[in-house]
Amino acid sequence: MRRILEIVLVLLPILGMALFLLLQREPSIVCPRCSMMTSMSSHKCTHCGYLIPYMEGDRMYLIDYSQLDEDREHFNTTQTD
């Protein structure tokens, strides 16, 4: 019985810290260009640099339209190869 109590007392802080870290994770979203997970607070993809639309208050900030043209060109060239 004492051994079980010792194990519980050792594991409890470890489990508490793991739970704390899981709950503190910053929300992430999928980048529409590269499909990698990126932080919701960064307004650029941390992998490919794509500007991601985001809400701030009641305003929505959109992506740079020149990026859409570049993406379309890249998509069209990869489809014709």
C-alpha atoms as a PDB file:
ATOM      1  CA  MET A   1       0.000   0.000   0.000  1.00  0.00           C
ATOM      2  CA  ARG A   2       2.823   2.383   0.836  1.00  0.00           C
ATOM      3  CA  ARG A   3       4.515   1.615  -2.497  1.00  0.00           C
ATOM      4  CA  ILE A   4       1.354   2.584  -4.400  1.00  0.00           C
ATOM      5  CA  LEU A   5       1.131   5.838  -2.469  1.00  0.00           C
ATOM      6  CA  GLU A   6       4.772   6.653  -3.346  1.00  0.00           C
ATOM      7  CA  ILE A   7       4.125   5.991  -7.030  1.00  0.00           C
ATOM      8  CA  VAL A   8       1.022   8.194  -7.011  1.00  0.00           C
ATOM      9  CA  LEU A   9       2.899  11.009  -5.253  1.00  0.00           C
ATOM     10  CA  VAL A  10       5.652  10.853  -7.868  1.00  0.00           C
ATOM     11  CA  LEU A  11       3.341  10.636 -10.890  1.00  0.00           C
ATOM     12  CA  LEU A  12       0.826  13.270  -9.811  1.00  0.00           C
ATOM     13  CA  PRO A  13       3.075  16.329 -10.402  1.00  0.00           C
ATOM     14  CA  ILE A  14       4.278  14.874 -13.706  1.00  0.00           C
ATOM     15  CA  LEU A  15       0.726  14.325 -14.928  1.00  0.00           C
ATOM     16  CA  GLY A  16      -0.269  17.776 -13.704  1.00  0.00           C
ATOM     17  CA  MET A  17       2.574  19.407 -15.651  1.00  0.00           C
ATOM     18  CA  ALA A  18       1.710  17.425 -18.789  1.00  0.00           C
ATOM     19  CA  LEU A  19      -1.924  18.499 -18.542  1.00  0.00           C
ATOM     20  CA  PHE A  20      -0.897  22.117 -17.982  1.00  0.00           C
ATOM     21  CA  LEU A  21       1.338  22.092 -21.066  1.00  0.00           C
ATOM     22  CA  LEU A  22      -1.354  20.521 -23.223  1.00  0.00           C
ATOM     23  CA  LEU A  23      -3.917  23.116 -22.183  1.00  0.00           C
ATOM     24  CA  GLN A  24      -1.502  26.002 -22.753  1.00  0.00           C
ATOM     25  CA  ARG A  25      -0.798  25.119 -26.385  1.00  0.00           C
ATOM     26  CA  GLU A  26      -1.473  27.942 -28.752  1.00  0.00           C
ATOM     27  CA  PRO A  27      -4.205  27.252 -31.294  1.00  0.00           C
ATOM     28  CA  SER A  28      -2.973  26.557 -34.794  1.00  0.00           C
ATOM     29  CA  ILE A  29      -4.427  26.558 -38.281  1.00  0.00           C
ATOM     30  CA  VAL A  30      -3.553  24.881 -41.566  1.00  0.00           C
ATOM     31  CA  CYS A  31      -1.834  27.061 -44.148  1.00  0.00           C
ATOM     32  CA  PRO A  32      -3.862  27.150 -47.388  1.00  0.00           C
ATOM     33  CA  ARG A  33      -0.665  27.130 -49.474  1.00  0.00           C
ATOM     34  CA  CYS A  34       1.574  24.438 -47.966  1.00  0.00           C
ATOM     35  CA  SER A  35      -0.919  22.598 -45.695  1.00  0.00           C
ATOM     36  CA  MET A  36       1.431  22.798 -42.695  1.00  0.00           C
ATOM     37  CA  MET A  37       0.211  23.716 -39.208  1.00  0.00           C
ATOM     38  CA  THR A  38       1.111  27.252 -38.169  1.00  0.00           C
ATOM     39  CA  SER A  39       0.388  29.409 -35.154  1.00  0.00           C
ATOM     40  CA  MET A  40      -2.911  31.252 -35.214  1.00  0.00           C
ATOM     41  CA  SER A  41      -1.305  34.382 -33.761  1.00  0.00           C
ATOM     42  CA  SER A  42       1.292  34.715 -36.515  1.00  0.00           C
ATOM     43  CA  HIS A  43      -0.221  36.245 -39.601  1.00  0.00           C
ATOM     44  CA  LYS A  44       2.280  34.505 -41.854  1.00  0.00           C
ATOM     45  CA  CYS A  45       2.867  30.807 -42.297  1.00  0.00           C
ATOM     46  CA  THR A  46       6.033  29.880 -40.442  1.00  0.00           C
ATOM     47  CA  HIS A  47       6.916  27.359 -43.163  1.00  0.00           C
ATOM     48  CA  CYS A  48       6.278  29.082 -46.508  1.00  0.00           C
ATOM     49  CA  GLY A  49       5.660  32.741 -45.550  1.00  0.00           C
ATOM     50  CA  TYR A  50       2.106  32.843 -46.912  1.00  0.00           C
ATOM     51  CA  LEU A  51       0.031  35.705 -45.469  1.00  0.00           C
ATOM     52  CA  ILE A  52      -2.957  34.187 -43.684  1.00  0.00           C
ATOM     53  CA  PRO A  53      -6.268  36.054 -43.301  1.00  0.00           C
ATOM     54  CA  TYR A  54      -7.145  36.824 -39.705  1.00  0.00           C
ATOM     55  CA  MET A  55      -9.772  38.584 -37.619  1.00  0.00           C
ATOM     56  CA  GLU A  56      -8.929  41.470 -35.338  1.00  0.00           C
ATOM     57  CA  GLY A  57     -11.960  42.799 -33.517  1.00  0.00           C
ATOM     58  CA  ASP A  58     -14.690  43.140 -36.117  1.00  0.00           C
ATOM     59  CA  ARG A  59     -12.272  43.569 -39.048  1.00  0.00           C
ATOM     60  CA  MET A  60     -10.901  40.835 -41.252  1.00  0.00           C
ATOM     61  CA  TYR A  61      -7.494  41.321 -42.798  1.00  0.00           C
ATOM     62  CA  LEU A  62      -7.130  39.483 -46.062  1.00  0.00           C
ATOM     63  CA  ILE A  63      -4.199  37.940 -47.840  1.00  0.00           C
ATOM     64  CA  ASP A  64      -2.115  39.805 -50.363  1.00  0.00           C
ATOM     65  CA  TYR A  65      -3.785  39.262 -53.743  1.00  0.00           C
ATOM     66  CA  SER A  66      -0.431  39.070 -55.529  1.00  0.00           C
ATOM     67  CA  GLN A  67       0.137  35.825 -53.617  1.00  0.00           C
ATOM     68  CA  LEU A  68      -3.019  34.374 -55.131  1.00  0.00           C
ATOM     69  CA  ASP A  69      -1.742  35.148 -58.622  1.00  0.00           C
ATOM     70  CA  GLU A  70       1.601  33.515 -57.806  1.00  0.00           C
ATOM     71  CA  ASP A  71      -0.196  30.469 -56.442  1.00  0.00           C
ATOM     72  CA  ARG A  72      -2.373  30.197 -59.529  1.00  0.00           C
ATOM     73  CA  GLU A  73       0.665  30.455 -61.805  1.00  0.00           C
ATOM     74  CA  HIS A  74       2.524  27.831 -59.761  1.00  0.00           C
ATOM     75  CA  PHE A  75      -0.524  25.538 -59.789  1.00  0.00           C
ATOM     76  CA  ASN A  76      -1.000  25.953 -63.546  1.00  0.00           C
ATOM     77  CA  THR A  77       2.668  25.216 -64.290  1.00  0.00           C
ATOM     78  CA  THR A  78       2.680  22.113 -62.105  1.00  0.00           C
ATOM     79  CA  GLN A  79      -0.513  20.839 -63.737  1.00  0.00           C
ATOM     80  CA  THR A  80       0.823  21.172 -67.295  1.00  0.00           C
ATOM     81  CA  ASP A  81       4.159  19.428 -66.598  1.00  0.00           C
END
